[in-house]
Amino acid sequence: MVFYKFIKASKVILLIALIFSMTKVNTFTMNDSISNKSMNKTLDLSAMAVKYDEIHYTDPFYPLDTFTGDLTGYGADCALCSGRLGCTGQDVRDGTTMYDDPTYGHINIVASSKNLKCGSVITWNNWDGTKMTAIVLDRGVLGTDIDLLTPSESYASDHVGRHKITYDVLRFGWSR
């Protein structure tokens, strides 16, 4: 008789354990679903970030990087200048100071160090409040400094001087 009571009690315990384990499984599935919804939100935010970057990187005026350096001016008639641009070989002793870029239009020409590839396009706000856009077509400066091509050395000293600027890079090198 004790044996039968033991088996009956075992069945009750087994039944309770079975009910308890099923409740645990349901709770786990419910929490897993909540976790999955959070993960979907994270994926949606990641997808939005990728799309946001795509939009900005296809915008030609979206800054890709920012530098600070000195802006100075130079003329093709400077004492140590050949009168030819270092990146293209173009003779600028005729007073040429602008370049027609298919994407950015009629823009200024600057000299940079090799930190910026030939054909890079930069933009900055001048000390007088005007916005300038230029293309790197020459070499001859150090670090992050920029040298703006002007009609002559006297024009450069009278109108440009030396100014600390922060400039944005809109394009690294020639677009292909």
C-alpha atoms as a PDB file:
ATOM      1  CA  MET A   1       0.000   0.000   0.000  1.00  0.00           C
ATOM      2  CA  VAL A   2       2.835   2.374   0.731  1.00  0.00           C
ATOM      3  CA  PHE A   3       4.207   1.482  -2.652  1.00  0.00           C
ATOM      4  CA  TYR A   4       0.961   2.576  -4.379  1.00  0.00           C
ATOM      5  CA  LYS A   5       0.929   5.871  -2.444  1.00  0.00           C
ATOM      6  CA  PHE A   6       4.533   6.448  -3.575  1.00  0.00           C
ATOM      7  CA  ILE A   7       3.634   5.861  -7.261  1.00  0.00           C
ATOM      8  CA  LYS A   8       0.565   8.124  -6.954  1.00  0.00           C
ATOM      9  CA  ALA A   9       2.707  10.864  -5.357  1.00  0.00           C
ATOM     10  CA  SER A  10       5.336  10.379  -8.091  1.00  0.00           C
ATOM     11  CA  LYS A  11       2.667  10.888 -10.778  1.00  0.00           C
ATOM     12  CA  VAL A  12       1.521  14.090  -9.096  1.00  0.00           C
ATOM     13  CA  ILE A  13       5.106  15.366  -8.871  1.00  0.00           C
ATOM     14  CA  LEU A  14       5.733  14.404 -12.495  1.00  0.00           C
ATOM     15  CA  LEU A  15       2.550  16.198 -13.542  1.00  0.00           C
ATOM     16  CA  ILE A  16       3.571  19.334 -11.618  1.00  0.00           C
ATOM     17  CA  ALA A  17       7.076  19.213 -13.154  1.00  0.00           C
ATOM     18  CA  LEU A  18       5.572  18.838 -16.622  1.00  0.00           C
ATOM     19  CA  ILE A  19       3.253  21.818 -16.114  1.00  0.00           C
ATOM     20  CA  PHE A  20       6.120  23.883 -14.680  1.00  0.00           C
ATOM     21  CA  SER A  21       8.424  23.066 -17.603  1.00  0.00           C
ATOM     22  CA  MET A  22       5.751  23.994 -20.159  1.00  0.00           C
ATOM     23  CA  THR A  23       5.229  27.319 -18.429  1.00  0.00           C
ATOM     24  CA  LYS A  24       8.977  27.941 -18.571  1.00  0.00           C
ATOM     25  CA  VAL A  25       9.077  27.163 -22.302  1.00  0.00           C
ATOM     26  CA  ASN A  26       6.258  29.612 -22.994  1.00  0.00           C
ATOM     27  CA  THR A  27       7.949  32.304 -20.923  1.00  0.00           C
ATOM     28  CA  PHE A  28      11.229  31.730 -22.765  1.00  0.00           C
ATOM     29  CA  THR A  29       9.543  31.971 -26.165  1.00  0.00           C
ATOM     30  CA  MET A  30       7.822  35.175 -25.132  1.00  0.00           C
ATOM     31  CA  ASN A  31      11.100  36.755 -23.992  1.00  0.00           C
ATOM     32  CA  ASP A  32      12.809  35.546 -27.141  1.00  0.00           C
ATOM     33  CA  SER A  33      10.148  37.326 -29.204  1.00  0.00           C
ATOM     34  CA  ILE A  34      10.693  40.572 -27.295  1.00  0.00           C
ATOM     35  CA  SER A  35      14.426  40.257 -27.835  1.00  0.00           C
ATOM     36  CA  ASN A  36      13.862  39.683 -31.533  1.00  0.00           C
ATOM     37  CA  LYS A  37      11.747  42.836 -31.822  1.00  0.00           C
ATOM     38  CA  SER A  38      14.585  44.834 -30.299  1.00  0.00           C
ATOM     39  CA  MET A  39      17.006  43.270 -32.741  1.00  0.00           C
ATOM     40  CA  ASN A  40      14.757  44.226 -35.667  1.00  0.00           C
ATOM     41  CA  LYS A  41      14.772  47.828 -34.471  1.00  0.00           C
ATOM     42  CA  THR A  42      18.553  47.739 -34.339  1.00  0.00           C
ATOM     43  CA  LEU A  43      18.689  46.363 -37.858  1.00  0.00           C
ATOM     44  CA  ASP A  44      16.285  49.056 -39.046  1.00  0.00           C
ATOM     45  CA  LEU A  45      18.511  51.757 -37.505  1.00  0.00           C
ATOM     46  CA  SER A  46      21.560  50.193 -39.148  1.00  0.00           C
ATOM     47  CA  ALA A  47      19.798  50.155 -42.505  1.00  0.00           C
ATOM     48  CA  MET A  48      18.819  53.793 -42.023  1.00  0.00           C
ATOM     49  CA  ALA A  49      22.427  54.723 -41.236  1.00  0.00           C
ATOM     50  CA  VAL A  50      23.670  52.977 -44.389  1.00  0.00           C
ATOM     51  CA  LYS A  51      21.043  54.759 -46.488  1.00  0.00           C
ATOM     52  CA  TYR A  52      21.921  58.092 -44.852  1.00  0.00           C
ATOM     53  CA  ASP A  53      25.594  57.559 -45.745  1.00  0.00           C
ATOM     54  CA  GLU A  54      24.660  56.618 -49.328  1.00  0.00           C
ATOM     55  CA  ILE A  55      22.702  59.847 -49.708  1.00  0.00           C
ATOM     56  CA  HIS A  56      25.523  61.969 -48.335  1.00  0.00           C
ATOM     57  CA  TYR A  57      28.320  60.255 -50.238  1.00  0.00           C
ATOM     58  CA  THR A  58      26.462  60.776 -53.502  1.00  0.00           C
ATOM     59  CA  ASP A  59      26.058  64.487 -52.676  1.00  0.00           C
ATOM     60  CA  PRO A  60      29.124  66.162 -54.229  1.00  0.00           C
ATOM     61  CA  PHE A  61      29.054  68.932 -51.592  1.00  0.00           C
ATOM     62  CA  TYR A  62      29.051  66.608 -48.584  1.00  0.00           C
ATOM     63  CA  PRO A  63      32.392  66.997 -46.732  1.00  0.00           C
ATOM     64  CA  LEU A  64      34.411  63.780 -46.627  1.00  0.00           C
ATOM     65  CA  ASP A  65      37.071  65.127 -44.261  1.00  0.00           C
ATOM     66  CA  THR A  66      38.111  68.372 -42.571  1.00  0.00           C
ATOM     67  CA  PHE A  67      41.579  69.885 -42.093  1.00  0.00           C
ATOM     68  CA  THR A  68      43.045  73.039 -40.585  1.00  0.00           C
ATOM     69  CA  GLY A  69      46.040  74.821 -42.094  1.00  0.00           C
ATOM     70  CA  ASP A  70      47.419  78.133 -43.283  1.00  0.00           C
ATOM     71  CA  LEU A  71      46.074  79.693 -46.459  1.00  0.00           C
ATOM     72  CA  THR A  72      48.604  81.719 -48.429  1.00  0.00           C
ATOM     73  CA  GLY A  73      48.678  82.995 -51.985  1.00  0.00           C
ATOM     74  CA  TYR A  74      51.188  82.635 -54.795  1.00  0.00           C
ATOM     75  CA  GLY A  75      51.496  83.729 -58.394  1.00  0.00           C
ATOM     76  CA  ALA A  76      52.879  81.880 -61.392  1.00  0.00           C
ATOM     77  CA  ASP A  77      55.493  84.642 -61.599  1.00  0.00           C
ATOM     78  CA  CYS A  78      57.098  83.772 -58.235  1.00  0.00           C
ATOM     79  CA  ALA A  79      60.915  83.592 -58.129  1.00  0.00           C
ATOM     80  CA  LEU A  80      61.167  79.789 -57.813  1.00  0.00           C
ATOM     81  CA  CYS A  81      58.078  78.912 -59.874  1.00  0.00           C
ATOM     82  CA  SER A  82      58.215  77.326 -63.325  1.00  0.00           C
ATOM     83  CA  GLY A  83      54.811  78.718 -64.245  1.00  0.00           C
ATOM     84  CA  ARG A  84      53.481  75.183 -64.753  1.00  0.00           C
ATOM     85  CA  LEU A  85      51.080  73.292 -62.511  1.00  0.00           C
ATOM     86  CA  GLY A  86      52.639  70.282 -60.810  1.00  0.00           C
ATOM     87  CA  CYS A  87      49.668  67.959 -61.388  1.00  0.00           C
ATOM     88  CA  THR A  88      48.813  68.753 -64.998  1.00  0.00           C
ATOM     89  CA  GLY A  89      51.815  70.579 -66.449  1.00  0.00           C
ATOM     90  CA  GLN A  90      49.516  73.383 -67.636  1.00  0.00           C
ATOM     91  CA  ASP A  91      51.270  76.731 -68.141  1.00  0.00           C
ATOM     92  CA  VAL A  92      49.526  79.373 -65.983  1.00  0.00           C
ATOM     93  CA  ARG A  93      51.852  82.326 -66.675  1.00  0.00           C
ATOM     94  CA  ASP A  94      49.046  83.768 -68.798  1.00  0.00           C
ATOM     95  CA  GLY A  95      47.111  84.664 -65.611  1.00  0.00           C
ATOM     96  CA  THR A  96      44.962  81.521 -65.404  1.00  0.00           C
ATOM     97  CA  THR A  97      43.786  81.034 -61.809  1.00  0.00           C
ATOM     98  CA  MET A  98      40.547  79.096 -62.328  1.00  0.00           C
ATOM     99  CA  TYR A  99      39.638  75.594 -63.469  1.00  0.00           C
ATOM    100  CA  ASP A 100      36.421  74.302 -65.071  1.00  0.00           C
ATOM    101  CA  ASP A 101      35.468  71.101 -63.246  1.00  0.00           C
ATOM    102  CA  PRO A 102      32.556  69.034 -64.617  1.00  0.00           C
ATOM    103  CA  THR A 103      31.098  68.550 -61.122  1.00  0.00           C
ATOM    104  CA  TYR A 104      31.986  71.764 -59.257  1.00  0.00           C
ATOM    105  CA  GLY A 105      32.034  74.289 -62.098  1.00  0.00           C
ATOM    106  CA  HIS A 106      34.417  77.257 -62.333  1.00  0.00           C
ATOM    107  CA  ILE A 107      36.658  76.910 -59.251  1.00  0.00           C
ATOM    108  CA  ASN A 108      39.984  78.251 -57.989  1.00  0.00           C
ATOM    109  CA  ILE A 109      43.314  76.426 -58.255  1.00  0.00           C
ATOM    110  CA  VAL A 110      45.390  75.649 -55.166  1.00  0.00           C
ATOM    111  CA  ALA A 111      48.680  74.002 -54.327  1.00  0.00           C
ATOM    112  CA  SER A 112      48.808  71.398 -51.585  1.00  0.00           C
ATOM    113  CA  SER A 113      51.201  68.864 -50.159  1.00  0.00           C
ATOM    114  CA  LYS A 114      50.933  65.255 -51.263  1.00  0.00           C
ATOM    115  CA  ASN A 115      48.496  64.742 -48.361  1.00  0.00           C
ATOM    116  CA  LEU A 116      45.785  65.652 -50.873  1.00  0.00           C
ATOM    117  CA  LYS A 117      45.836  63.886 -54.237  1.00  0.00           C
ATOM    118  CA  CYS A 118      45.825  65.848 -57.467  1.00  0.00           C
ATOM    119  CA  GLY A 119      42.228  66.635 -58.429  1.00  0.00           C
ATOM    120  CA  SER A 120      41.014  66.840 -54.828  1.00  0.00           C
ATOM    121  CA  VAL A 121      38.374  69.512 -54.309  1.00  0.00           C
ATOM    122  CA  ILE A 122      38.218  71.576 -51.124  1.00  0.00           C
ATOM    123  CA  THR A 123      35.998  74.343 -49.786  1.00  0.00           C
ATOM    124  CA  TRP A 124      36.411  76.899 -46.993  1.00  0.00           C
ATOM    125  CA  ASN A 125      35.006  80.159 -45.683  1.00  0.00           C
ATOM    126  CA  ASN A 126      37.338  83.083 -46.296  1.00  0.00           C
ATOM    127  CA  TRP A 127      38.297  85.624 -43.656  1.00  0.00           C
ATOM    128  CA  ASP A 128      35.986  88.104 -45.443  1.00  0.00           C
ATOM    129  CA  GLY A 129      32.990  85.715 -45.250  1.00  0.00           C
ATOM    130  CA  THR A 130      33.016  84.496 -48.856  1.00  0.00           C
ATOM    131  CA  LYS A 131      32.918  80.785 -49.569  1.00  0.00           C
ATOM    132  CA  MET A 132      35.720  79.453 -51.753  1.00  0.00           C
ATOM    133  CA  THR A 133      35.951  76.167 -53.635  1.00  0.00           C
ATOM    134  CA  ALA A 134      39.204  75.043 -55.215  1.00  0.00           C
ATOM    135  CA  ILE A 135      40.900  72.100 -56.854  1.00  0.00           C
ATOM    136  CA  VAL A 136      44.390  70.815 -56.047  1.00  0.00           C
ATOM    137  CA  LEU A 137      46.403  71.112 -59.269  1.00  0.00           C
ATOM    138  CA  ASP A 138      49.812  72.095 -57.887  1.00  0.00           C
ATOM    139  CA  ARG A 139      52.337  71.078 -55.246  1.00  0.00           C
ATOM    140  CA  GLY A 140      54.849  72.922 -53.124  1.00  0.00           C
ATOM    141  CA  VAL A 141      53.460  73.375 -49.596  1.00  0.00           C
ATOM    142  CA  LEU A 142      53.870  71.338 -46.438  1.00  0.00           C
ATOM    143  CA  GLY A 143      51.373  69.483 -44.244  1.00  0.00           C
ATOM    144  CA  THR A 144      47.806  70.708 -44.414  1.00  0.00           C
ATOM    145  CA  ASP A 145      48.585  74.225 -45.683  1.00  0.00           C
ATOM    146  CA  ILE A 146      46.974  75.506 -48.885  1.00  0.00           C
ATOM    147  CA  ASP A 147      48.445  77.947 -51.410  1.00  0.00           C
ATOM    148  CA  LEU A 148      45.884  79.797 -53.569  1.00  0.00           C
ATOM    149  CA  LEU A 149      46.977  80.566 -57.140  1.00  0.00           C
ATOM    150  CA  THR A 150      46.589  84.300 -57.870  1.00  0.00           C
ATOM    151  CA  PRO A 151      47.349  86.385 -60.997  1.00  0.00           C
ATOM    152  CA  SER A 152      50.691  87.555 -59.558  1.00  0.00           C
ATOM    153  CA  GLU A 153      52.903  87.507 -56.477  1.00  0.00           C
ATOM    154  CA  SER A 154      52.064  91.146 -55.708  1.00  0.00           C
ATOM    155  CA  TYR A 155      48.338  90.329 -55.859  1.00  0.00           C
ATOM    156  CA  ALA A 156      48.913  87.398 -53.494  1.00  0.00           C
ATOM    157  CA  SER A 157      50.695  89.534 -50.905  1.00  0.00           C
ATOM    158  CA  ASP A 158      48.204  92.419 -51.166  1.00  0.00           C
ATOM    159  CA  HIS A 159      44.941  90.404 -51.215  1.00  0.00           C
ATOM    160  CA  VAL A 160      45.541  86.979 -49.685  1.00  0.00           C
ATOM    161  CA  GLY A 161      48.316  87.223 -47.095  1.00  0.00           C
ATOM    162  CA  ARG A 162      48.345  84.406 -44.518  1.00  0.00           C
ATOM    163  CA  HIS A 163      45.252  83.154 -42.712  1.00  0.00           C
ATOM    164  CA  LYS A 164      44.481  80.109 -40.569  1.00  0.00           C
ATOM    165  CA  ILE A 165      41.540  78.264 -42.179  1.00  0.00           C
ATOM    166  CA  THR A 166      39.557  75.095 -41.709  1.00  0.00           C
ATOM    167  CA  TYR A 167      38.650  73.482 -45.012  1.00  0.00           C
ATOM    168  CA  ASP A 168      36.480  70.553 -46.044  1.00  0.00           C
ATOM    169  CA  VAL A 169      37.521  67.981 -48.633  1.00  0.00           C
ATOM    170  CA  LEU A 170      34.658  67.361 -51.052  1.00  0.00           C
ATOM    171  CA  ARG A 171      36.535  64.953 -53.329  1.00  0.00           C
ATOM    172  CA  PHE A 172      39.748  62.968 -52.895  1.00  0.00           C
ATOM    173  CA  GLY A 173      41.537  62.986 -56.243  1.00  0.00           C
ATOM    174  CA  TRP A 174      40.077  62.879 -59.729  1.00  0.00           C
ATOM    175  CA  SER A 175      36.593  61.426 -59.989  1.00  0.00           C
ATOM    176  CA  ARG A 176      36.452  58.316 -62.101  1.00  0.00           C
END
